Amino acid sequence: MTRSDEPTRLANVIMNLFRDQSVATKQVVADEGSTVDLIAGADAQDDCAVFRMSGDQELVVGSDYVRGPKFRLYEMGHLTEYDLGYYLAAANVSDIAAMGAHPIGLLSVVRYPADMSDETFESIMQGIKDACRRFRCPNIGGDIGSAERLILSATALGTCRRGGALFRSGAKPGDLVCVTAPTGFAGAAMEYLRAQRPDPAIDELHLATLLASWRRPSARVDEGIALAACGRVTSCQDTSDGLKATVECLAAASGVGITIFEDSVPLPEPVAAVAHHLRLDPLGLVFGDSVDFELAFTAPPDAVEQLRQEMALHAIGEVTDSGSAVMLGSNGELTSLPGKAWRHVPDQAGR
């Protein structure tokens, strides 16, 4: 295990991973007549990356930080440094996807303790690179260097046609509330592993799926682009803070109410199995603090039918003028949304 200084890691790791990036990166076509070309990327090793942009378009920028050694599942031995790098890229690209933008680049900040080996450093960078390749969002540079512990942060860049970005505000009464895929996997994985009450059936049938939500999270880039291209999606947000927090945020930002129909909410089998084993409310896992990176959005019913032809989605509720987010139960009663929403506070346990 070797430990090199920053210039050596730039020469031996970064340049090796990102060699010829500027030449190999494909042109992004954001809209008819609007293009983005990467002129100087991580391979150039300049102070900044350079894009050449043409046409009538808007730049979308988002930034997210990921805990390093304080990441709960990493501390428990369920995630590797590669997984942390992959997660960092996915978390940031997911925000770009939620805006309906085409990703064009990721700037990553990787700060590491002095005793981190070159091999571990390269594993982090490889995770970032592989996720960026999957989401067509090249890691165009950023910052590396020493710190008292592992620190991971990034900024994602995207582009969309002028006036085409999706926002959290804009939902209207009568719109349907949809989600791109079932939620609850990440939250169920966390609850199951923290409980330290293993179940052979869950370990055999579901644990790999549950852990995949943390190890290989999926940013819904294609779905976000399709939602923006539809032109009739009225609001959108990713579910990185959990479905409950997302629905409540869409309602508050739009000044509307939202009614979720319990019978329409998908309950994945792995999530149901964990809930049964731990005697938890399964819908609490589906709506609670689960980092699933799905997209929740609102659109008129006929637009939702149109979108069904292009992508998988689940219509789970309706926008109302009540001013609150509630659930209509199978018994016909209205209740508050189940689960505990994520809150960004210093002593928040879980991630």
Protein backbone atom coordinates (compact mmCIF):
# COMPACT_ATOMS: atom_id res chain seq x y z
CA MET A 1 0.00 0.00 0.00
CA THR A 2 1.58 3.26 -1.15
CA ARG A 3 0.90 6.83 -0.01
CA SER A 4 1.83 9.53 -2.51
CA ASP A 5 1.60 13.29 -2.33
CA GLU A 6 -1.03 15.28 -4.26
CA PRO A 7 1.08 16.00 -7.40
CA THR A 8 1.97 12.32 -7.67
CA ARG A 9 -1.65 11.26 -7.32
CA LEU A 10 -2.62 13.76 -9.98
CA ALA A 11 -0.03 12.30 -12.32
CA ASN A 12 -0.52 8.62 -11.54
CA VAL A 13 -4.22 8.35 -10.70
CA ILE A 14 -6.18 11.30 -12.07
CA MET A 15 -4.41 11.51 -15.41
CA ASN A 16 -4.65 7.75 -15.83
CA LEU A 17 -8.38 7.66 -15.09
CA PHE A 18 -9.32 10.71 -17.16
CA ARG A 19 -6.83 10.63 -20.01
CA ASP A 20 -8.21 12.04 -23.31
CA GLN A 21 -11.51 12.97 -21.63
CA SER A 22 -11.95 16.17 -23.66
CA VAL A 23 -11.66 14.27 -26.94
CA ALA A 24 -13.73 11.27 -25.87
CA THR A 25 -16.68 13.14 -24.32
CA LYS A 26 -19.63 13.30 -26.71
CA GLN A 27 -21.40 16.50 -27.58
CA VAL A 28 -24.56 17.15 -25.55
CA VAL A 29 -27.57 18.24 -27.59
CA ALA A 30 -29.77 20.07 -25.10
CA ASP A 31 -32.40 21.13 -27.61
CA GLU A 32 -32.73 21.67 -31.33
CA GLY A 33 -29.93 24.06 -32.21
CA SER A 34 -28.43 24.03 -28.68
CA THR A 35 -25.23 22.08 -28.07
CA VAL A 36 -22.53 21.74 -25.42
CA ASP A 37 -18.96 20.60 -26.12
CA LEU A 38 -16.33 19.87 -23.47
CA ILE A 39 -13.23 21.74 -24.62
CA ALA A 40 -11.00 21.19 -21.58
CA GLY A 41 -11.80 18.58 -18.95
CA ALA A 42 -9.93 16.82 -16.17
CA ASP A 43 -7.33 15.65 -18.66
CA ALA A 44 -6.25 19.23 -19.37
CA GLN A 45 -5.31 19.81 -15.69
CA ASP A 46 -6.06 23.53 -16.01
CA ASP A 47 -7.54 25.62 -13.21
CA CYS A 48 -11.04 25.21 -14.65
CA ALA A 49 -12.92 23.08 -17.14
CA VAL A 50 -14.20 24.77 -20.29
CA PHE A 51 -17.44 24.16 -22.16
CA ARG A 52 -18.38 25.63 -25.53
CA MET A 53 -22.12 26.30 -25.55
CA SER A 54 -24.31 27.33 -28.47
CA GLY A 55 -28.02 28.01 -28.84
CA ASP A 56 -30.73 29.25 -26.50
CA GLN A 57 -30.30 27.33 -23.26
CA GLU A 58 -29.95 27.68 -19.50
CA LEU A 59 -27.26 26.34 -17.16
CA VAL A 60 -28.44 24.26 -14.16
CA VAL A 61 -26.06 23.92 -11.20
CA GLY A 62 -26.43 21.89 -8.00
CA SER A 63 -24.10 20.88 -5.17
CA ASP A 64 -24.26 18.15 -2.54
CA TYR A 65 -22.01 16.89 0.25
CA VAL A 66 -21.68 13.25 1.30
CA ARG A 67 -20.36 12.15 4.68
CA GLY A 68 -17.14 10.18 4.51
CA PRO A 69 -16.21 8.11 7.58
CA LYS A 70 -19.39 9.31 9.32
CA PHE A 71 -21.53 7.61 6.67
CA ARG A 72 -23.39 5.04 8.78
CA LEU A 73 -23.34 2.02 6.46
CA TYR A 74 -19.71 2.69 5.60
CA GLU A 75 -18.81 2.61 9.28
CA MET A 76 -20.72 -0.68 9.61
CA GLY A 77 -18.68 -2.23 6.79
CA HIS A 78 -21.48 -2.46 4.20
CA LEU A 79 -20.05 0.19 1.85
CA THR A 80 -16.57 0.53 0.38
CA GLU A 81 -14.71 3.68 -0.60
CA TYR A 82 -15.67 2.88 -4.20
CA ASP A 83 -19.33 2.88 -3.16
CA LEU A 84 -18.94 6.29 -1.48
CA GLY A 85 -17.50 7.76 -4.67
CA TYR A 86 -20.30 6.25 -6.73
CA TYR A 87 -22.92 7.55 -4.30
CA LEU A 88 -21.42 11.05 -4.39
CA ALA A 89 -21.82 11.28 -8.15
CA ALA A 90 -25.33 9.79 -8.17
CA ALA A 91 -26.57 12.13 -5.42
CA ASN A 92 -25.42 15.21 -7.32
CA VAL A 93 -26.59 14.09 -10.76
CA SER A 94 -30.00 13.27 -9.25
CA ASP A 95 -30.51 16.96 -8.51
CA ILE A 96 -29.78 17.78 -12.15
CA ALA A 97 -32.25 15.08 -13.22
CA ALA A 98 -34.94 16.58 -10.98
CA MET A 99 -34.62 19.85 -12.90
CA GLY A 100 -35.13 18.06 -16.21
CA ALA A 101 -31.65 18.99 -17.40
CA HIS A 102 -29.06 17.17 -19.50
CA PRO A 103 -25.97 16.54 -17.30
CA ILE A 104 -22.78 17.98 -18.79
CA GLY A 105 -20.21 17.68 -16.01
CA LEU A 106 -19.39 16.97 -12.37
CA LEU A 107 -16.84 18.80 -10.23
CA SER A 108 -15.76 16.63 -7.31
CA VAL A 109 -14.00 17.53 -4.06
CA VAL A 110 -12.11 14.62 -2.49
CA ARG A 111 -10.21 15.48 0.67
CA TYR A 112 -8.48 12.61 2.45
CA PRO A 113 -6.47 11.90 5.62
CA ALA A 114 -2.69 11.62 5.39
CA ASP A 115 -2.71 7.87 5.97
CA MET A 116 -5.02 7.08 3.04
CA SER A 117 -3.27 4.82 0.54
CA ASP A 118 -3.07 5.50 -3.18
CA GLU A 119 -5.16 2.39 -3.77
CA THR A 120 -8.01 3.62 -1.57
CA PHE A 121 -7.87 7.07 -3.17
CA GLU A 122 -8.02 5.54 -6.63
CA SER A 123 -11.00 3.40 -5.57
CA ILE A 124 -12.95 6.53 -4.61
CA MET A 125 -12.10 8.23 -7.88
CA GLN A 126 -12.98 5.08 -9.85
CA GLY A 127 -16.40 5.00 -8.17
CA ILE A 128 -17.00 8.62 -9.14
CA LYS A 129 -15.84 7.99 -12.69
CA ASP A 130 -17.98 4.87 -13.16
CA ALA A 131 -21.12 6.59 -11.89
CA CYS A 132 -20.43 9.58 -14.11
CA ARG A 133 -20.09 7.28 -17.10
CA ARG A 134 -23.41 5.62 -16.28
CA PHE A 135 -25.19 8.98 -16.06
CA ARG A 136 -23.37 10.56 -19.03
CA CYS A 137 -21.93 13.28 -16.81
CA PRO A 138 -18.10 13.36 -17.04
CA ASN A 139 -16.08 14.17 -13.92
CA ILE A 140 -14.42 17.26 -15.37
CA GLY A 141 -12.25 18.22 -12.39
CA GLY A 142 -12.61 19.72 -8.93
CA ASP A 143 -10.22 19.54 -5.99
CA ILE A 144 -8.17 16.90 -4.18
CA GLY A 145 -5.90 17.25 -1.18
CA SER A 146 -5.36 16.34 2.43
CA ALA A 147 -7.71 16.90 5.37
CA GLU A 148 -8.23 15.58 8.87
CA ARG A 149 -10.64 12.95 7.53
CA LEU A 150 -12.30 11.87 4.29
CA ILE A 151 -14.52 14.65 2.94
CA LEU A 152 -16.58 14.22 -0.24
CA SER A 153 -18.50 16.93 -2.04
CA ALA A 154 -19.43 17.71 -5.63
CA THR A 155 -21.17 20.14 -7.93
CA ALA A 156 -23.16 18.91 -10.92
CA LEU A 157 -23.76 20.97 -14.06
CA GLY A 158 -26.58 20.54 -16.53
CA THR A 159 -28.30 22.37 -19.33
CA CYS A 160 -31.85 22.68 -20.61
CA ARG A 161 -33.71 24.69 -23.17
CA ARG A 162 -34.62 28.23 -22.21
CA GLY A 163 -37.60 28.16 -19.85
CA GLY A 164 -37.53 24.36 -19.74
CA ALA A 165 -36.24 23.70 -16.20
CA LEU A 166 -38.54 21.90 -13.78
CA PHE A 167 -39.16 23.46 -10.38
CA ARG A 168 -40.71 22.37 -7.09
CA SER A 169 -43.37 25.05 -7.40
CA GLY A 170 -46.15 25.09 -9.96
CA ALA A 171 -48.41 22.16 -9.03
CA LYS A 172 -52.10 22.88 -9.65
CA PRO A 173 -55.30 21.40 -8.21
CA GLY A 174 -56.39 18.49 -10.38
CA ASP A 175 -52.83 17.42 -11.25
CA LEU A 176 -51.83 13.87 -10.49
CA VAL A 177 -48.89 13.17 -8.17
CA CYS A 178 -46.50 10.57 -9.58
CA VAL A 179 -43.24 8.84 -8.71
CA THR A 180 -40.86 7.19 -11.15
CA ALA A 181 -40.46 3.98 -9.11
CA PRO A 182 -41.28 2.53 -5.68
CA THR A 183 -39.46 4.01 -2.70
CA GLY A 184 -38.37 2.71 0.68
CA PHE A 185 -35.41 0.49 -0.28
CA ALA A 186 -32.69 2.67 1.24
CA GLY A 187 -34.67 3.30 4.41
CA ALA A 188 -35.49 -0.38 4.83
CA ALA A 189 -31.82 -1.30 4.36
CA MET A 190 -30.79 1.17 7.05
CA GLU A 191 -33.43 0.00 9.53
CA TYR A 192 -32.63 -3.67 8.95
CA LEU A 193 -28.87 -3.35 9.29
CA ARG A 194 -28.98 -0.98 12.25
CA ALA A 195 -31.33 -3.32 14.11
CA GLN A 196 -28.72 -6.11 13.99
CA ARG A 197 -31.48 -8.70 13.97
CA PRO A 198 -30.62 -10.80 10.90
CA ASP A 199 -33.25 -12.90 9.19
CA PRO A 200 -32.07 -15.73 6.88
CA ALA A 201 -34.88 -15.18 4.37
CA ILE A 202 -34.21 -11.46 4.10
CA ASP A 203 -30.47 -12.04 3.82
CA GLU A 204 -30.96 -14.55 1.01
CA LEU A 205 -33.80 -12.96 -0.93
CA HIS A 206 -33.64 -9.20 -0.36
CA LEU A 207 -30.43 -7.92 1.22
CA ALA A 208 -28.55 -7.52 -2.08
CA THR A 209 -31.43 -5.46 -3.49
CA LEU A 210 -31.66 -3.33 -0.37
CA LEU A 211 -27.93 -2.63 -0.32
CA ALA A 212 -27.91 -1.83 -4.04
CA SER A 213 -29.96 1.28 -3.23
CA TRP A 214 -26.86 2.58 -1.39
CA ARG A 215 -24.08 0.98 -3.41
CA ARG A 216 -25.42 1.70 -6.91
CA PRO A 217 -28.11 4.38 -6.61
CA SER A 218 -29.69 5.48 -9.87
CA ALA A 219 -30.11 9.11 -10.86
CA ARG A 220 -33.20 9.31 -13.10
CA VAL A 221 -31.59 11.34 -15.86
CA ASP A 222 -33.59 10.00 -18.81
CA GLU A 223 -36.84 10.31 -16.90
CA GLY A 224 -36.07 13.92 -15.94
CA ILE A 225 -35.30 14.81 -19.54
CA ALA A 226 -38.55 13.17 -20.66
CA LEU A 227 -40.54 15.08 -18.04
CA ALA A 228 -39.06 18.38 -19.20
CA ALA A 229 -39.61 17.52 -22.87
CA CYS A 230 -43.28 16.82 -22.17
CA GLY A 231 -43.76 20.50 -21.43
CA ARG A 232 -46.69 19.90 -19.08
CA VAL A 233 -45.06 18.75 -15.85
CA THR A 234 -45.94 21.37 -13.26
CA SER A 235 -43.49 20.51 -10.46
CA CYS A 236 -40.72 18.02 -9.77
CA GLN A 237 -38.25 17.04 -7.04
CA ASP A 238 -36.09 14.03 -6.29
CA THR A 239 -36.89 11.90 -3.24
CA SER A 240 -33.45 12.06 -1.64
CA ASP A 241 -34.99 13.33 1.60
CA GLY A 242 -37.70 10.67 1.53
CA LEU A 243 -41.10 10.59 -0.16
CA LYS A 244 -42.92 12.23 2.77
CA ALA A 245 -40.57 15.22 2.82
CA THR A 246 -40.76 15.48 -0.98
CA VAL A 247 -44.55 15.47 -1.16
CA GLU A 248 -44.79 18.01 1.65
CA CYS A 249 -42.20 20.21 -0.07
CA LEU A 250 -44.03 20.13 -3.43
CA ALA A 251 -47.27 21.09 -1.68
CA ALA A 252 -45.69 23.92 0.30
CA ALA A 253 -43.68 25.32 -2.63
CA SER A 254 -46.78 25.32 -4.85
CA GLY A 255 -49.20 26.61 -2.21
CA VAL A 256 -51.52 23.63 -2.70
CA GLY A 257 -52.62 20.48 -0.92
CA ILE A 258 -51.82 16.92 -1.91
CA THR A 259 -53.84 13.80 -1.18
CA ILE A 260 -51.98 10.51 -1.45
CA PHE A 261 -54.12 7.41 -2.05
CA GLU A 262 -52.91 4.57 0.15
CA ASP A 263 -54.14 1.92 -2.27
CA SER A 264 -52.06 3.46 -5.09
CA VAL A 265 -48.73 3.51 -3.25
CA PRO A 266 -46.44 0.64 -4.40
CA LEU A 267 -45.01 -1.46 -1.57
CA PRO A 268 -41.87 -3.34 -2.70
CA GLU A 269 -41.52 -6.88 -1.38
CA PRO A 270 -38.08 -6.28 0.24
CA VAL A 271 -39.46 -3.26 2.12
CA ALA A 272 -42.53 -5.21 3.25
CA ALA A 273 -40.31 -8.07 4.44
CA VAL A 274 -38.16 -5.77 6.58
CA ALA A 275 -41.23 -4.05 8.01
CA HIS A 276 -42.75 -7.40 8.97
CA HIS A 277 -39.51 -8.67 10.50
CA LEU A 278 -38.92 -5.52 12.57
CA ARG A 279 -42.61 -4.89 13.27
CA LEU A 280 -42.55 -1.51 11.57
CA ASP A 281 -45.20 0.28 9.55
CA PRO A 282 -44.36 -0.62 5.91
CA LEU A 283 -45.74 2.69 4.62
CA GLY A 284 -43.57 4.43 7.19
CA LEU A 285 -40.55 2.94 5.42
CA VAL A 286 -41.90 3.85 1.97
CA PHE A 287 -42.49 7.50 2.94
CA GLY A 288 -39.84 8.05 5.60
CA ASP A 289 -36.15 8.90 5.52
CA SER A 290 -35.26 6.77 2.50
CA VAL A 291 -32.68 8.04 0.02
CA ASP A 292 -34.05 6.46 -3.16
CA PHE A 293 -33.31 9.22 -5.72
CA GLU A 294 -36.59 8.71 -7.54
CA LEU A 295 -38.44 11.66 -9.09
CA ALA A 296 -41.76 12.81 -7.69
CA PHE A 297 -43.69 15.10 -10.01
CA THR A 298 -47.10 16.55 -10.79
CA ALA A 299 -48.85 16.84 -14.14
CA PRO A 300 -52.40 16.93 -15.55
CA PRO A 301 -54.02 13.47 -15.97
CA ASP A 302 -53.80 13.45 -19.77
CA ALA A 303 -50.12 14.41 -19.63
CA VAL A 304 -49.50 11.53 -17.21
CA GLU A 305 -51.10 9.14 -19.71
CA GLN A 306 -48.82 10.51 -22.39
CA LEU A 307 -45.77 10.02 -20.16
CA ARG A 308 -46.76 6.41 -19.45
CA GLN A 309 -45.93 5.67 -23.08
CA GLU A 310 -42.34 6.81 -22.52
CA MET A 311 -41.42 5.78 -18.99
CA ALA A 312 -42.42 3.76 -15.96
CA LEU A 313 -44.32 5.73 -13.33
CA HIS A 314 -46.80 5.31 -10.50
CA ALA A 315 -49.65 7.79 -9.97
CA ILE A 316 -50.05 7.89 -6.19
CA GLY A 317 -52.15 10.96 -5.49
CA GLU A 318 -53.80 14.18 -6.56
CA VAL A 319 -53.15 17.86 -6.04
CA THR A 320 -55.92 19.68 -4.15
CA ASP A 321 -56.57 23.18 -2.89
CA SER A 322 -56.65 22.11 0.77
CA GLY A 323 -53.20 23.46 1.64
CA SER A 324 -51.92 20.30 3.35
CA ALA A 325 -50.43 16.92 2.43
CA VAL A 326 -52.49 13.99 3.68
CA MET A 327 -53.18 10.32 2.97
CA LEU A 328 -56.56 8.87 2.09
CA GLY A 329 -56.53 5.45 3.70
CA SER A 330 -58.14 2.26 2.49
CA ASN A 331 -60.81 2.85 5.15
CA GLY A 332 -61.70 6.25 3.72
CA GLU A 333 -60.08 8.24 6.53
CA LEU A 334 -57.68 11.13 6.02
CA THR A 335 -54.46 11.03 8.05
CA SER A 336 -51.08 12.70 7.98
CA LEU A 337 -48.46 11.11 5.75
CA PRO A 338 -46.71 8.17 7.45
CA GLY A 339 -43.01 7.99 8.23
CA LYS A 340 -40.47 10.43 9.57
CA ALA A 341 -39.16 13.00 7.15
CA TRP A 342 -35.45 13.71 6.91
CA ARG A 343 -34.37 16.95 8.52
CA HIS A 344 -30.94 18.51 7.94
CA VAL A 345 -29.84 18.94 11.56
CA PRO A 346 -26.38 18.24 13.07
CA ASP A 347 -27.47 15.36 15.30
CA GLN A 348 -29.60 13.60 12.68
CA ALA A 349 -28.94 9.89 12.93
CA GLY A 350 -29.19 7.51 10.04
CA ARG A 351 -27.02 8.45 7.03
